Amino acid sequence: MDAKISEIKKWLGTGSINIFGYPMSGKDTQGVKLAEALGGKLLSSGIIIRANEIEKHKKLTDTGNLIPTNIFYEWVLPYFEREDLKKYPLVLSSIGRWFGEEDTVLETAEKAGHPIKAAVLLNISEADVLDRFHKLQILNDRGERQDDKDLGVFKTRLEEFRLKTMPVLEHYKMMGMLVNVNGDQSREAVFSEMIDKLYEYLQN
């Protein structure tokens, strides 16, 4: 695996890999692992948005809906230009979730020297996602996030993914940039397959 990671790192340079998936599919978990393996940095739209909600005393995600595009641009896109990230490859966790945002995200990343070179989809069924949701209610390891504690809100998040994010993934697919990974495995197996699939992708 180390040899494949080394080749991916060389191919990626200071570029970006954008990871997508249903809520609780493991985007941030796998994003952290991939960023560490590549010597890069993670940019998570969810983490950035929640931090801004706290700082600005706004509640935009409690209903489960995606934030408006203009606010997404204002809060998230400036991170591509940060000086402390210039020399690093970036692993993105769902940057540009709403269909119509992806071209602006691609252009912004390109101009900042972090061109998006692949989009990874962690494939997992809605039934398995809901099973994870119910198990997490017992474990209570997601903190006080309302969008992870209320079933109705969580189902809204799933619907938002179907209606708004699936078309984004189709766009990446049409561009030949989509890498599909089975997300319904152990964390170690998901990571291993992601490395294998990215390696196969760069060979082509």
N, C-alpha and C. Protein backbone atom coordinates (compact mmCIF):
# COMPACT_ATOMS: atom_id res chain seq x y z
N MET A 1 0.82 -1.21 0.00
CA MET A 1 0.00 0.00 0.00
C MET A 1 0.86 1.27 0.00
N ASP A 2 2.00 1.22 0.69
CA ASP A 2 2.86 2.40 0.78
C ASP A 2 3.31 2.88 -0.59
N ALA A 3 3.62 1.93 -1.47
CA ALA A 3 4.06 2.30 -2.82
C ALA A 3 2.94 3.00 -3.58
N LYS A 4 1.72 2.52 -3.43
CA LYS A 4 0.57 3.14 -4.10
C LYS A 4 0.32 4.54 -3.55
N ILE A 5 0.41 4.69 -2.23
CA ILE A 5 0.22 6.01 -1.61
C ILE A 5 1.27 6.98 -2.13
N SER A 6 2.51 6.51 -2.26
CA SER A 6 3.59 7.35 -2.77
C SER A 6 3.30 7.82 -4.18
N GLU A 7 2.77 6.93 -5.03
CA GLU A 7 2.44 7.29 -6.41
C GLU A 7 1.27 8.27 -6.45
N ILE A 8 0.28 8.06 -5.59
CA ILE A 8 -0.87 8.97 -5.53
C ILE A 8 -0.41 10.36 -5.10
N LYS A 9 0.47 10.39 -4.11
CA LYS A 9 0.99 11.67 -3.60
C LYS A 9 1.74 12.42 -4.70
N LYS A 10 2.55 11.70 -5.47
CA LYS A 10 3.31 12.31 -6.55
C LYS A 10 2.37 12.85 -7.63
N TRP A 11 1.37 12.07 -7.97
CA TRP A 11 0.38 12.46 -9.00
C TRP A 11 -0.44 13.67 -8.55
N LEU A 12 -0.80 13.70 -7.26
CA LEU A 12 -1.70 14.73 -6.74
C LEU A 12 -1.01 16.08 -6.62
N GLY A 13 0.25 16.10 -6.22
CA GLY A 13 0.93 17.38 -6.01
C GLY A 13 0.22 18.19 -4.94
N THR A 14 -0.12 19.43 -5.27
CA THR A 14 -0.91 20.26 -4.34
C THR A 14 -2.38 20.27 -4.75
N GLY A 15 -2.78 19.26 -5.53
CA GLY A 15 -4.18 19.16 -5.96
C GLY A 15 -5.10 18.67 -4.86
N SER A 16 -6.33 18.39 -5.23
CA SER A 16 -7.37 18.02 -4.27
C SER A 16 -8.09 16.75 -4.69
N ILE A 17 -8.58 16.04 -3.69
CA ILE A 17 -9.49 14.91 -3.89
C ILE A 17 -10.74 15.21 -3.08
N ASN A 18 -11.90 15.17 -3.71
CA ASN A 18 -13.17 15.53 -3.07
C ASN A 18 -13.94 14.26 -2.72
N ILE A 19 -14.24 14.05 -1.45
CA ILE A 19 -14.92 12.84 -1.00
C ILE A 19 -16.39 13.14 -0.72
N PHE A 20 -17.27 12.30 -1.28
CA PHE A 20 -18.71 12.45 -1.09
C PHE A 20 -19.31 11.16 -0.52
N GLY A 21 -20.52 11.28 -0.02
CA GLY A 21 -21.26 10.13 0.49
C GLY A 21 -22.42 10.60 1.33
N TYR A 22 -23.34 9.69 1.59
CA TYR A 22 -24.46 9.99 2.48
C TYR A 22 -23.96 10.45 3.85
N PRO A 23 -24.80 11.16 4.61
CA PRO A 23 -24.44 11.42 6.00
C PRO A 23 -24.10 10.12 6.71
N MET A 24 -23.05 10.16 7.53
CA MET A 24 -22.58 8.99 8.29
C MET A 24 -21.96 7.91 7.41
N SER A 25 -21.58 8.27 6.20
CA SER A 25 -20.90 7.29 5.35
C SER A 25 -19.41 7.21 5.64
N GLY A 26 -18.90 8.15 6.45
CA GLY A 26 -17.49 8.11 6.84
C GLY A 26 -16.60 9.07 6.09
N LYS A 27 -17.18 10.14 5.52
CA LYS A 27 -16.40 11.08 4.71
C LYS A 27 -15.26 11.72 5.50
N ASP A 28 -15.57 12.28 6.66
CA ASP A 28 -14.52 12.94 7.44
C ASP A 28 -13.51 11.94 7.99
N THR A 29 -14.00 10.78 8.43
CA THR A 29 -13.10 9.75 8.95
C THR A 29 -12.09 9.32 7.89
N GLN A 30 -12.59 9.01 6.70
CA GLN A 30 -11.70 8.60 5.62
C GLN A 30 -10.88 9.77 5.10
N GLY A 31 -11.47 10.96 5.14
CA GLY A 31 -10.75 12.15 4.71
C GLY A 31 -9.53 12.42 5.56
N VAL A 32 -9.69 12.28 6.87
CA VAL A 32 -8.57 12.47 7.80
C VAL A 32 -7.47 11.46 7.51
N LYS A 33 -7.85 10.19 7.34
CA LYS A 33 -6.87 9.13 7.08
C LYS A 33 -6.13 9.38 5.77
N LEU A 34 -6.88 9.79 4.74
CA LEU A 34 -6.26 10.02 3.44
C LEU A 34 -5.32 11.24 3.49
N ALA A 35 -5.76 12.30 4.15
CA ALA A 35 -4.93 13.50 4.27
C ALA A 35 -3.63 13.18 5.00
N GLU A 36 -3.72 12.42 6.07
CA GLU A 36 -2.53 12.04 6.82
C GLU A 36 -1.59 11.20 5.95
N ALA A 37 -2.15 10.26 5.20
CA ALA A 37 -1.33 9.38 4.36
C ALA A 37 -0.62 10.16 3.26
N LEU A 38 -1.26 11.22 2.76
CA LEU A 38 -0.70 11.99 1.65
C LEU A 38 0.10 13.20 2.11
N GLY A 39 0.17 13.39 3.43
CA GLY A 39 0.86 14.57 3.94
C GLY A 39 0.11 15.84 3.61
N GLY A 40 -1.22 15.74 3.54
CA GLY A 40 -2.05 16.87 3.16
C GLY A 40 -2.90 17.40 4.30
N LYS A 41 -3.87 18.20 3.93
CA LYS A 41 -4.78 18.81 4.90
C LYS A 41 -6.23 18.50 4.51
N LEU A 42 -7.08 18.35 5.52
CA LEU A 42 -8.50 18.10 5.29
C LEU A 42 -9.28 19.40 5.32
N LEU A 43 -10.13 19.59 4.33
CA LEU A 43 -11.12 20.66 4.36
C LEU A 43 -12.50 20.01 4.34
N SER A 44 -13.21 20.13 5.44
CA SER A 44 -14.55 19.54 5.55
C SER A 44 -15.59 20.66 5.53
N SER A 45 -16.49 20.61 4.55
CA SER A 45 -17.52 21.65 4.48
C SER A 45 -18.38 21.63 5.75
N GLY A 46 -18.67 20.44 6.27
CA GLY A 46 -19.48 20.35 7.48
C GLY A 46 -18.82 21.01 8.67
N ILE A 47 -17.53 20.73 8.87
CA ILE A 47 -16.81 21.32 10.00
C ILE A 47 -16.72 22.83 9.85
N ILE A 48 -16.41 23.30 8.64
CA ILE A 48 -16.31 24.75 8.40
C ILE A 48 -17.64 25.43 8.64
N ILE A 49 -18.71 24.85 8.14
CA ILE A 49 -20.04 25.45 8.29
C ILE A 49 -20.46 25.49 9.75
N ARG A 50 -20.25 24.39 10.47
CA ARG A 50 -20.65 24.39 11.89
C ARG A 50 -19.85 25.40 12.70
N ALA A 51 -18.57 25.55 12.37
CA ALA A 51 -17.74 26.53 13.07
C ALA A 51 -18.25 27.94 12.82
N ASN A 52 -18.66 28.22 11.58
CA ASN A 52 -19.21 29.54 11.25
C ASN A 52 -20.56 29.76 11.92
N GLU A 53 -21.36 28.72 12.02
CA GLU A 53 -22.65 28.86 12.70
C GLU A 53 -22.45 29.28 14.16
N ILE A 54 -21.47 28.68 14.80
CA ILE A 54 -21.18 29.02 16.20
C ILE A 54 -20.65 30.45 16.31
N GLU A 55 -19.68 30.76 15.45
CA GLU A 55 -19.04 32.08 15.51
C GLU A 55 -20.03 33.20 15.20
N LYS A 56 -20.92 32.96 14.23
CA LYS A 56 -21.83 34.02 13.78
C LYS A 56 -23.20 33.92 14.43
N HIS A 57 -23.35 32.95 15.34
CA HIS A 57 -24.62 32.75 16.06
C HIS A 57 -25.78 32.55 15.09
N LYS A 58 -25.54 31.71 14.09
CA LYS A 58 -26.58 31.39 13.11
C LYS A 58 -26.86 29.89 13.14
N LYS A 59 -28.10 29.53 12.92
CA LYS A 59 -28.48 28.12 12.83
C LYS A 59 -29.07 27.87 11.45
N LEU A 60 -28.25 27.28 10.58
CA LEU A 60 -28.68 27.04 9.21
C LEU A 60 -28.85 25.56 8.90
N THR A 61 -28.23 24.69 9.69
CA THR A 61 -28.24 23.26 9.36
C THR A 61 -29.12 22.43 10.28
N ASP A 62 -29.75 23.06 11.27
CA ASP A 62 -30.54 22.29 12.24
C ASP A 62 -31.73 21.59 11.61
N THR A 63 -32.19 22.09 10.46
CA THR A 63 -33.35 21.48 9.81
C THR A 63 -32.94 20.32 8.90
N GLY A 64 -31.63 20.20 8.65
CA GLY A 64 -31.16 19.16 7.75
C GLY A 64 -30.97 19.62 6.31
N ASN A 65 -31.39 20.84 6.01
CA ASN A 65 -31.23 21.37 4.65
C ASN A 65 -29.82 21.90 4.43
N LEU A 66 -29.37 21.85 3.17
CA LEU A 66 -28.09 22.44 2.83
C LEU A 66 -28.17 23.96 2.95
N ILE A 67 -27.04 24.58 3.30
CA ILE A 67 -27.04 26.03 3.41
C ILE A 67 -27.13 26.65 2.03
N PRO A 68 -27.67 27.88 1.92
CA PRO A 68 -27.77 28.54 0.61
C PRO A 68 -26.40 28.66 -0.05
N THR A 69 -26.40 28.59 -1.36
CA THR A 69 -25.15 28.62 -2.12
C THR A 69 -24.32 29.86 -1.86
N ASN A 70 -24.96 31.02 -1.76
CA ASN A 70 -24.18 32.25 -1.55
C ASN A 70 -23.43 32.21 -0.22
N ILE A 71 -24.04 31.62 0.81
CA ILE A 71 -23.37 31.51 2.11
C ILE A 71 -22.28 30.46 2.04
N PHE A 72 -22.53 29.37 1.32
CA PHE A 72 -21.49 28.35 1.13
C PHE A 72 -20.27 28.97 0.48
N TYR A 73 -20.47 29.76 -0.57
CA TYR A 73 -19.35 30.42 -1.23
C TYR A 73 -18.59 31.33 -0.26
N GLU A 74 -19.34 32.08 0.53
CA GLU A 74 -18.73 33.05 1.45
C GLU A 74 -17.95 32.37 2.57
N TRP A 75 -18.47 31.27 3.09
CA TRP A 75 -17.87 30.64 4.25
C TRP A 75 -16.78 29.62 3.89
N VAL A 76 -16.98 28.88 2.82
CA VAL A 76 -16.12 27.72 2.55
C VAL A 76 -15.04 27.99 1.50
N LEU A 77 -15.39 28.62 0.40
CA LEU A 77 -14.44 28.76 -0.70
C LEU A 77 -13.15 29.52 -0.36
N PRO A 78 -13.19 30.52 0.53
CA PRO A 78 -11.94 31.23 0.86
C PRO A 78 -10.84 30.33 1.43
N TYR A 79 -11.20 29.16 1.94
CA TYR A 79 -10.19 28.26 2.49
C TYR A 79 -9.19 27.79 1.43
N PHE A 80 -9.61 27.73 0.19
CA PHE A 80 -8.69 27.32 -0.88
C PHE A 80 -7.52 28.29 -1.02
N GLU A 81 -7.74 29.56 -0.64
CA GLU A 81 -6.72 30.59 -0.83
C GLU A 81 -5.81 30.77 0.39
N ARG A 82 -6.04 30.01 1.43
CA ARG A 82 -5.26 30.23 2.65
C ARG A 82 -3.77 29.96 2.42
N GLU A 83 -2.95 30.88 2.89
CA GLU A 83 -1.50 30.78 2.70
C GLU A 83 -0.92 29.56 3.40
N ASP A 84 -1.49 29.20 4.56
CA ASP A 84 -0.94 28.06 5.31
C ASP A 84 -1.26 26.71 4.66
N LEU A 85 -2.09 26.73 3.61
CA LEU A 85 -2.43 25.49 2.90
C LEU A 85 -1.80 25.41 1.51
N LYS A 86 -1.12 26.48 1.09
CA LYS A 86 -0.64 26.58 -0.29
C LYS A 86 0.22 25.40 -0.73
N LYS A 87 1.10 24.92 0.15
CA LYS A 87 2.06 23.90 -0.29
C LYS A 87 1.57 22.47 -0.07
N TYR A 88 0.33 22.32 0.39
CA TYR A 88 -0.18 20.98 0.73
C TYR A 88 -1.23 20.50 -0.28
N PRO A 89 -1.28 19.17 -0.49
CA PRO A 89 -2.46 18.62 -1.18
C PRO A 89 -3.65 18.70 -0.23
N LEU A 90 -4.85 18.78 -0.78
CA LEU A 90 -6.05 18.90 0.03
C LEU A 90 -6.96 17.69 -0.18
N VAL A 91 -7.53 17.22 0.91
CA VAL A 91 -8.60 16.24 0.84
C VAL A 91 -9.87 16.97 1.26
N LEU A 92 -10.84 17.01 0.38
CA LEU A 92 -12.07 17.76 0.61
C LEU A 92 -13.18 16.80 1.03
N SER A 93 -13.90 17.18 2.05
CA SER A 93 -15.05 16.38 2.46
C SER A 93 -16.32 17.11 2.03
N SER A 94 -16.84 16.69 0.87
CA SER A 94 -18.09 17.23 0.32
C SER A 94 -18.06 18.74 0.14
N ILE A 95 -17.07 19.23 -0.56
CA ILE A 95 -17.04 20.66 -0.89
C ILE A 95 -17.81 20.85 -2.19
N GLY A 96 -18.99 21.49 -2.08
CA GLY A 96 -19.87 21.68 -3.22
C GLY A 96 -20.91 20.59 -3.31
N ARG A 97 -21.86 20.60 -2.37
CA ARG A 97 -22.85 19.52 -2.29
C ARG A 97 -24.10 19.77 -3.13
N TRP A 98 -24.30 21.00 -3.52
CA TRP A 98 -25.55 21.38 -4.20
C TRP A 98 -25.27 21.51 -5.69
N PHE A 99 -26.04 20.80 -6.51
CA PHE A 99 -25.84 20.83 -7.96
C PHE A 99 -25.84 22.27 -8.46
N GLY A 100 -24.82 22.63 -9.21
CA GLY A 100 -24.64 23.99 -9.67
C GLY A 100 -23.45 24.64 -8.99
N GLU A 101 -23.03 24.10 -7.83
CA GLU A 101 -21.88 24.64 -7.12
C GLU A 101 -20.56 24.05 -7.62
N GLU A 102 -20.64 22.88 -8.26
CA GLU A 102 -19.41 22.14 -8.56
C GLU A 102 -18.47 22.87 -9.52
N ASP A 103 -19.02 23.57 -10.51
CA ASP A 103 -18.14 24.27 -11.46
C ASP A 103 -17.39 25.41 -10.77
N THR A 104 -18.07 26.14 -9.90
CA THR A 104 -17.41 27.22 -9.16
C THR A 104 -16.35 26.66 -8.22
N VAL A 105 -16.65 25.52 -7.59
CA VAL A 105 -15.67 24.87 -6.73
C VAL A 105 -14.45 24.44 -7.54
N LEU A 106 -14.68 23.82 -8.69
CA LEU A 106 -13.58 23.38 -9.55
C LEU A 106 -12.72 24.56 -9.99
N GLU A 107 -13.35 25.66 -10.37
CA GLU A 107 -12.62 26.84 -10.83
C GLU A 107 -11.83 27.47 -9.69
N THR A 108 -12.46 27.57 -8.51
CA THR A 108 -11.79 28.17 -7.36
C THR A 108 -10.57 27.36 -6.94
N ALA A 109 -10.74 26.04 -6.90
CA ALA A 109 -9.64 25.15 -6.52
C ALA A 109 -8.49 25.26 -7.53
N GLU A 110 -8.84 25.30 -8.81
CA GLU A 110 -7.83 25.41 -9.87
C GLU A 110 -7.02 26.70 -9.72
N LYS A 111 -7.70 27.81 -9.55
CA LYS A 111 -7.04 29.12 -9.45
C LYS A 111 -6.15 29.20 -8.21
N ALA A 112 -6.53 28.49 -7.16
CA ALA A 112 -5.78 28.53 -5.91
C ALA A 112 -4.59 27.58 -5.91
N GLY A 113 -4.42 26.81 -6.99
CA GLY A 113 -3.31 25.87 -7.05
C GLY A 113 -3.62 24.52 -6.44
N HIS A 114 -4.92 24.26 -6.19
CA HIS A 114 -5.35 22.98 -5.63
C HIS A 114 -6.37 22.31 -6.56
N PRO A 115 -6.04 22.10 -7.82
CA PRO A 115 -7.03 21.55 -8.76
C PRO A 115 -7.60 20.21 -8.28
N ILE A 116 -8.91 20.08 -8.42
CA ILE A 116 -9.55 18.82 -8.02
C ILE A 116 -9.28 17.78 -9.10
N LYS A 117 -8.61 16.69 -8.71
CA LYS A 117 -8.19 15.68 -9.67
C LYS A 117 -9.06 14.43 -9.64
N ALA A 118 -9.84 14.27 -8.58
CA ALA A 118 -10.74 13.11 -8.49
C ALA A 118 -11.81 13.40 -7.46
N ALA A 119 -12.96 12.77 -7.65
CA ALA A 119 -14.04 12.80 -6.67
C ALA A 119 -14.32 11.36 -6.25
N VAL A 120 -14.31 11.09 -4.96
CA VAL A 120 -14.53 9.75 -4.42
C VAL A 120 -15.94 9.67 -3.86
N LEU A 121 -16.68 8.64 -4.22
CA LEU A 121 -17.99 8.40 -3.64
C LEU A 121 -17.92 7.17 -2.75
N LEU A 122 -18.21 7.35 -1.46
CA LEU A 122 -18.30 6.23 -0.53
C LEU A 122 -19.71 5.66 -0.63
N ASN A 123 -19.85 4.58 -1.36
CA ASN A 123 -21.16 3.99 -1.62
C ASN A 123 -21.68 3.23 -0.41
N ILE A 124 -22.87 3.58 0.02
CA ILE A 124 -23.54 2.89 1.12
C ILE A 124 -25.04 3.11 0.94
N SER A 125 -25.84 2.11 1.24
CA SER A 125 -27.29 2.23 1.02
C SER A 125 -27.93 3.09 2.11
N GLU A 126 -29.11 3.62 1.79
CA GLU A 126 -29.85 4.40 2.78
C GLU A 126 -30.22 3.54 3.98
N ALA A 127 -30.53 2.27 3.74
CA ALA A 127 -30.89 1.37 4.84
C ALA A 127 -29.72 1.22 5.81
N ASP A 128 -28.51 1.09 5.27
CA ASP A 128 -27.33 0.96 6.13
C ASP A 128 -27.02 2.26 6.86
N VAL A 129 -27.25 3.38 6.18
CA VAL A 129 -27.04 4.69 6.82
C VAL A 129 -28.00 4.86 8.00
N LEU A 130 -29.26 4.50 7.79
CA LEU A 130 -30.25 4.60 8.87
C LEU A 130 -29.91 3.66 10.02
N ASP A 131 -29.37 2.50 9.69
CA ASP A 131 -28.92 1.58 10.74
C ASP A 131 -27.80 2.20 11.55
N ARG A 132 -26.88 2.87 10.89
CA ARG A 132 -25.80 3.56 11.60
C ARG A 132 -26.35 4.67 12.48
N PHE A 133 -27.35 5.38 11.96
CA PHE A 133 -27.98 6.45 12.74
C PHE A 133 -28.55 5.91 14.05
N HIS A 134 -29.29 4.81 13.97
CA HIS A 134 -29.92 4.26 15.18
C HIS A 134 -28.87 3.73 16.16
N LYS A 135 -27.81 3.14 15.64
CA LYS A 135 -26.76 2.65 16.52
C LYS A 135 -26.05 3.81 17.23
N LEU A 136 -25.88 4.93 16.51
CA LEU A 136 -25.21 6.08 17.11
C LEU A 136 -26.03 6.73 18.20
N GLN A 137 -27.35 6.57 18.14
CA GLN A 137 -28.18 7.10 19.22
C GLN A 137 -27.89 6.38 20.54
N ILE A 138 -27.55 5.10 20.41
CA ILE A 138 -27.21 4.31 21.60
C ILE A 138 -25.80 4.68 22.08
N LEU A 139 -24.87 4.81 21.13
CA LEU A 139 -23.48 5.13 21.49
C LEU A 139 -23.31 6.59 21.89
N ASN A 140 -24.13 7.47 21.27
CA ASN A 140 -24.09 8.91 21.56
C ASN A 140 -22.69 9.48 21.39
N ASP A 141 -22.04 9.17 20.27
CA ASP A 141 -20.66 9.64 20.07
C ASP A 141 -20.54 10.72 19.01
N ARG A 142 -21.65 11.40 18.70
CA ARG A 142 -21.59 12.49 17.71
C ARG A 142 -21.87 13.84 18.37
N GLY A 143 -21.74 13.89 19.70
CA GLY A 143 -21.92 15.16 20.39
C GLY A 143 -23.38 15.59 20.41
N GLU A 144 -23.57 16.92 20.38
CA GLU A 144 -24.92 17.48 20.50
C GLU A 144 -25.46 17.97 19.15
N ARG A 145 -24.95 17.47 18.08
CA ARG A 145 -25.42 17.91 16.77
C ARG A 145 -26.88 17.52 16.57
N GLN A 146 -27.72 18.53 16.39
CA GLN A 146 -29.15 18.28 16.22
C GLN A 146 -29.43 17.48 14.97
N ASP A 147 -28.63 17.72 13.90
CA ASP A 147 -28.89 17.02 12.63
C ASP A 147 -28.48 15.56 12.69
N ASP A 148 -27.83 15.14 13.78
CA ASP A 148 -27.50 13.72 13.96
C ASP A 148 -28.32 13.07 15.07
N LYS A 149 -29.22 13.82 15.69
CA LYS A 149 -29.96 13.28 16.83
C LYS A 149 -31.45 13.13 16.56
N ASP A 150 -31.96 13.91 15.61
CA ASP A 150 -33.39 13.90 15.29
C ASP A 150 -33.60 13.12 14.00
N LEU A 151 -34.42 12.08 14.04
CA LEU A 151 -34.61 11.21 12.87
C LEU A 151 -35.22 11.98 11.70
N GLY A 152 -36.19 12.85 11.99
CA GLY A 152 -36.81 13.62 10.92
C GLY A 152 -35.81 14.52 10.22
N VAL A 153 -34.95 15.18 11.00
CA VAL A 153 -33.91 16.03 10.43
C VAL A 153 -32.92 15.20 9.62
N PHE A 154 -32.57 14.04 10.15
CA PHE A 154 -31.62 13.16 9.46
C PHE A 154 -32.19 12.69 8.12
N LYS A 155 -33.48 12.38 8.10
CA LYS A 155 -34.11 11.96 6.84
C LYS A 155 -34.13 13.10 5.83
N THR A 156 -34.26 14.33 6.32
CA THR A 156 -34.18 15.48 5.43
C THR A 156 -32.79 15.56 4.80
N ARG A 157 -31.76 15.28 5.59
CA ARG A 157 -30.39 15.28 5.06
C ARG A 157 -30.23 14.23 3.97
N LEU A 158 -30.85 13.07 4.16
CA LEU A 158 -30.78 12.03 3.14
C LEU A 158 -31.47 12.49 1.85
N GLU A 159 -32.61 13.13 2.01
CA GLU A 159 -33.34 13.61 0.84
C GLU A 159 -32.55 14.70 0.11
N GLU A 160 -31.91 15.59 0.88
CA GLU A 160 -31.08 16.62 0.29
C GLU A 160 -29.95 16.01 -0.54
N PHE A 161 -29.37 14.91 -0.02
CA PHE A 161 -28.31 14.24 -0.75
C PHE A 161 -28.84 13.68 -2.06
N ARG A 162 -30.00 13.03 -2.01
CA ARG A 162 -30.59 12.44 -3.22
C ARG A 162 -30.88 13.51 -4.26
N LEU A 163 -31.51 14.61 -3.83
CA LEU A 163 -32.00 15.61 -4.77
C LEU A 163 -30.92 16.57 -5.25
N LYS A 164 -29.99 16.92 -4.36
CA LYS A 164 -29.04 17.99 -4.68
C LYS A 164 -27.61 17.52 -4.92
N THR A 165 -27.20 16.46 -4.22
CA THR A 165 -25.80 16.03 -4.33
C THR A 165 -25.62 14.94 -5.38
N MET A 166 -26.60 14.07 -5.55
CA MET A 166 -26.49 13.03 -6.58
C MET A 166 -26.20 13.64 -7.96
N PRO A 167 -26.86 14.75 -8.34
CA PRO A 167 -26.53 15.35 -9.64
C PRO A 167 -25.09 15.88 -9.70
N VAL A 168 -24.54 16.31 -8.57
CA VAL A 168 -23.14 16.74 -8.53
C VAL A 168 -22.24 15.56 -8.89
N LEU A 169 -22.55 14.40 -8.31
CA LEU A 169 -21.77 13.20 -8.56
C LEU A 169 -21.88 12.77 -10.02
N GLU A 170 -23.06 12.93 -10.59
CA GLU A 170 -23.24 12.61 -12.00
C GLU A 170 -22.38 13.52 -12.88
N HIS A 171 -22.26 14.77 -12.46
CA HIS A 171 -21.42 15.73 -13.19
C HIS A 171 -19.96 15.28 -13.16
N TYR A 172 -19.46 14.90 -11.98
CA TYR A 172 -18.09 14.39 -11.88
C TYR A 172 -17.91 13.12 -12.71
N LYS A 173 -18.94 12.28 -12.70
CA LYS A 173 -18.88 11.04 -13.48
C LYS A 173 -18.74 11.34 -14.96
N MET A 174 -19.52 12.30 -15.44
CA MET A 174 -19.48 12.66 -16.86
C MET A 174 -18.12 13.25 -17.23
N MET A 175 -17.44 13.84 -16.26
CA MET A 175 -16.11 14.40 -16.49
C MET A 175 -15.03 13.32 -16.38
N GLY A 176 -15.44 12.09 -16.03
CA GLY A 176 -14.48 11.00 -15.90
C GLY A 176 -13.67 11.07 -14.63
N MET A 177 -14.20 11.76 -13.60
CA MET A 177 -13.43 12.00 -12.38
C MET A 177 -13.95 11.22 -11.18
N LEU A 178 -15.03 10.45 -11.33
CA LEU A 178 -15.66 9.81 -10.18
C LEU A 178 -15.05 8.44 -9.89
N VAL A 179 -14.66 8.24 -8.63
CA VAL A 179 -14.08 6.97 -8.16
C VAL A 179 -15.03 6.38 -7.12
N ASN A 180 -15.59 5.22 -7.41
CA ASN A 180 -16.56 4.59 -6.52
C ASN A 180 -15.86 3.63 -5.56
N VAL A 181 -16.20 3.76 -4.26
CA VAL A 181 -15.61 2.92 -3.22
C VAL A 181 -16.75 2.36 -2.37
N ASN A 182 -16.68 1.08 -2.05
CA ASN A 182 -17.68 0.45 -1.19
C ASN A 182 -17.52 0.96 0.23
N GLY A 183 -18.46 1.77 0.69
CA GLY A 183 -18.38 2.34 2.04
C GLY A 183 -18.94 1.46 3.12
N ASP A 184 -19.53 0.32 2.75
CA ASP A 184 -20.14 -0.57 3.73
C ASP A 184 -19.16 -1.68 4.11
N GLN A 185 -18.01 -1.28 4.64
CA GLN A 185 -16.99 -2.20 5.10
C GLN A 185 -16.38 -1.63 6.38
N SER A 186 -15.43 -2.33 6.94
CA SER A 186 -14.71 -1.76 8.07
C SER A 186 -13.96 -0.52 7.60
N ARG A 187 -13.61 0.36 8.53
CA ARG A 187 -12.90 1.58 8.17
C ARG A 187 -11.59 1.27 7.46
N GLU A 188 -10.91 0.23 7.93
CA GLU A 188 -9.63 -0.16 7.33
C GLU A 188 -9.83 -0.64 5.89
N ALA A 189 -10.90 -1.43 5.67
CA ALA A 189 -11.16 -1.95 4.34
C ALA A 189 -11.57 -0.84 3.38
N VAL A 190 -12.35 0.13 3.86
CA VAL A 190 -12.74 1.26 3.03
C VAL A 190 -11.50 2.04 2.60
N PHE A 191 -10.62 2.31 3.54
CA PHE A 191 -9.41 3.06 3.23
C PHE A 191 -8.54 2.32 2.22
N SER A 192 -8.37 1.02 2.44
CA SER A 192 -7.56 0.21 1.54
C SER A 192 -8.13 0.22 0.13
N GLU A 193 -9.45 0.07 0.01
CA GLU A 193 -10.08 0.08 -1.32
C GLU A 193 -9.95 1.45 -1.95
N MET A 194 -10.08 2.50 -1.15
CA MET A 194 -9.96 3.86 -1.68
C MET A 194 -8.56 4.08 -2.28
N ILE A 195 -7.53 3.61 -1.59
CA ILE A 195 -6.17 3.73 -2.12
C ILE A 195 -6.03 2.93 -3.41
N ASP A 196 -6.55 1.70 -3.41
CA ASP A 196 -6.48 0.86 -4.61
C ASP A 196 -7.18 1.52 -5.80
N LYS A 197 -8.39 2.06 -5.55
CA LYS A 197 -9.18 2.65 -6.63
C LYS A 197 -8.54 3.95 -7.14
N LEU A 198 -7.98 4.74 -6.24
CA LEU A 198 -7.30 5.98 -6.66
C LEU A 198 -6.06 5.65 -7.48
N TYR A 199 -5.36 4.61 -7.07
CA TYR A 199 -4.17 4.18 -7.80
C TYR A 199 -4.55 3.72 -9.22
N GLU A 200 -5.62 2.93 -9.31
CA GLU A 200 -6.10 2.48 -10.63
C GLU A 200 -6.52 3.69 -11.47
N TYR A 201 -7.17 4.65 -10.83
CA TYR A 201 -7.64 5.84 -11.53
C TYR A 201 -6.48 6.64 -12.12
N LEU A 202 -5.43 6.85 -11.35
CA LEU A 202 -4.32 7.66 -11.85
C LEU A 202 -3.55 6.93 -12.95
N GLN A 203 -3.62 5.58 -12.95
CA GLN A 203 -2.97 4.83 -14.01
C GLN A 203 -3.63 5.04 -15.37
N ASN A 204 -4.91 5.42 -15.31
CA ASN A 204 -5.68 5.63 -16.54
C ASN A 204 -5.67 7.08 -17.01
